């Protein structure tokens, strides 16, 4: 069962968002590249804001989906 999230907007309007499954990894990468604020930086103990500077970057140890 998908999760639901209640969002209260600055004008006090409310919206209910429903979690969806993203079956296309490239589409997810593109969304995160365009909107890096979706990444839970605080939960990862990182400071923001996040700026994506690379995508599908190759390193000696392998590939990185996004570099911020």
Protein backbone atom coordinates (compact mmCIF):
# COMPACT_ATOMS: atom_id res chain seq x y z
CA UNK A 1 0.00 0.00 0.00
CA UNK A 2 1.53 3.35 -1.03
CA UNK A 3 2.39 5.90 1.63
CA UNK A 4 0.52 9.20 1.74
CA UNK A 5 1.86 12.55 2.87
CA UNK A 6 -0.11 15.63 3.87
CA UNK A 7 1.55 18.85 2.72
CA UNK A 8 0.50 22.21 4.15
CA UNK A 9 1.39 25.02 1.73
CA UNK A 10 2.40 28.56 2.77
CA UNK A 11 -1.14 29.83 2.09
CA UNK A 12 -2.49 27.13 4.49
CA UNK A 13 -3.90 25.08 1.60
CA UNK A 14 -3.43 21.33 2.03
CA UNK A 15 -2.50 18.68 -0.50
CA UNK A 16 -2.31 14.91 -0.08
CA UNK A 17 0.53 13.32 -2.03
CA UNK A 18 0.71 9.62 -2.74
CA UNK A 19 3.95 7.68 -3.07
CA UNK A 20 4.56 6.15 -6.50
CA UNK A 21 7.01 3.52 -7.70
CA UNK A 22 9.59 4.83 -10.12
CA UNK A 23 10.42 1.95 -12.43
CA UNK A 24 12.75 3.98 -14.68
CA UNK A 25 16.12 4.64 -13.01
CA UNK A 26 17.18 7.22 -15.61
CA UNK A 27 13.98 9.17 -15.04
CA UNK A 28 14.69 9.18 -11.29
CA UNK A 29 18.25 10.44 -11.92
CA UNK A 30 16.87 13.23 -14.12
CA UNK A 31 14.32 14.25 -11.46
CA UNK A 32 16.98 14.37 -8.74
CA UNK A 33 19.37 16.28 -11.01
CA UNK A 34 16.68 18.90 -11.72
CA UNK A 35 15.42 19.01 -8.11
CA UNK A 36 18.27 18.07 -5.75
CA UNK A 37 16.25 19.47 -2.85
CA UNK A 38 14.38 16.14 -2.87
CA UNK A 39 17.44 14.43 -1.37
CA UNK A 40 17.16 14.04 2.44
CA UNK A 41 20.42 15.87 3.25
CA UNK A 42 19.61 16.33 6.92
CA UNK A 43 18.99 12.61 7.37
CA UNK A 44 22.37 11.95 5.75
CA UNK A 45 23.94 14.53 8.09
CA UNK A 46 24.93 16.73 5.15
CA UNK A 47 24.52 20.47 4.78
CA UNK A 48 22.74 22.01 1.82
CA UNK A 49 21.83 23.28 -0.51
CA UNK A 50 22.82 20.51 -2.91
CA UNK A 51 24.10 21.32 -6.39
CA UNK A 52 24.45 18.42 -8.83
CA UNK A 53 27.71 18.80 -10.78
CA UNK A 54 27.93 15.40 -12.46
CA UNK A 55 25.79 12.51 -13.61
CA UNK A 56 26.90 8.96 -14.47
CA UNK A 57 30.49 9.87 -13.61
CA UNK A 58 33.19 7.18 -13.95
CA UNK A 59 35.78 6.67 -11.24
CA UNK A 60 38.44 4.01 -10.76
CA UNK A 61 36.12 2.31 -8.25
CA UNK A 62 33.05 2.38 -10.55
CA UNK A 63 30.30 4.71 -11.70
CA UNK A 64 28.47 7.31 -9.62
CA UNK A 65 24.86 8.12 -10.48
CA UNK A 66 24.95 11.74 -9.28
CA UNK A 67 27.79 13.89 -7.93
CA UNK A 68 26.82 16.83 -5.74
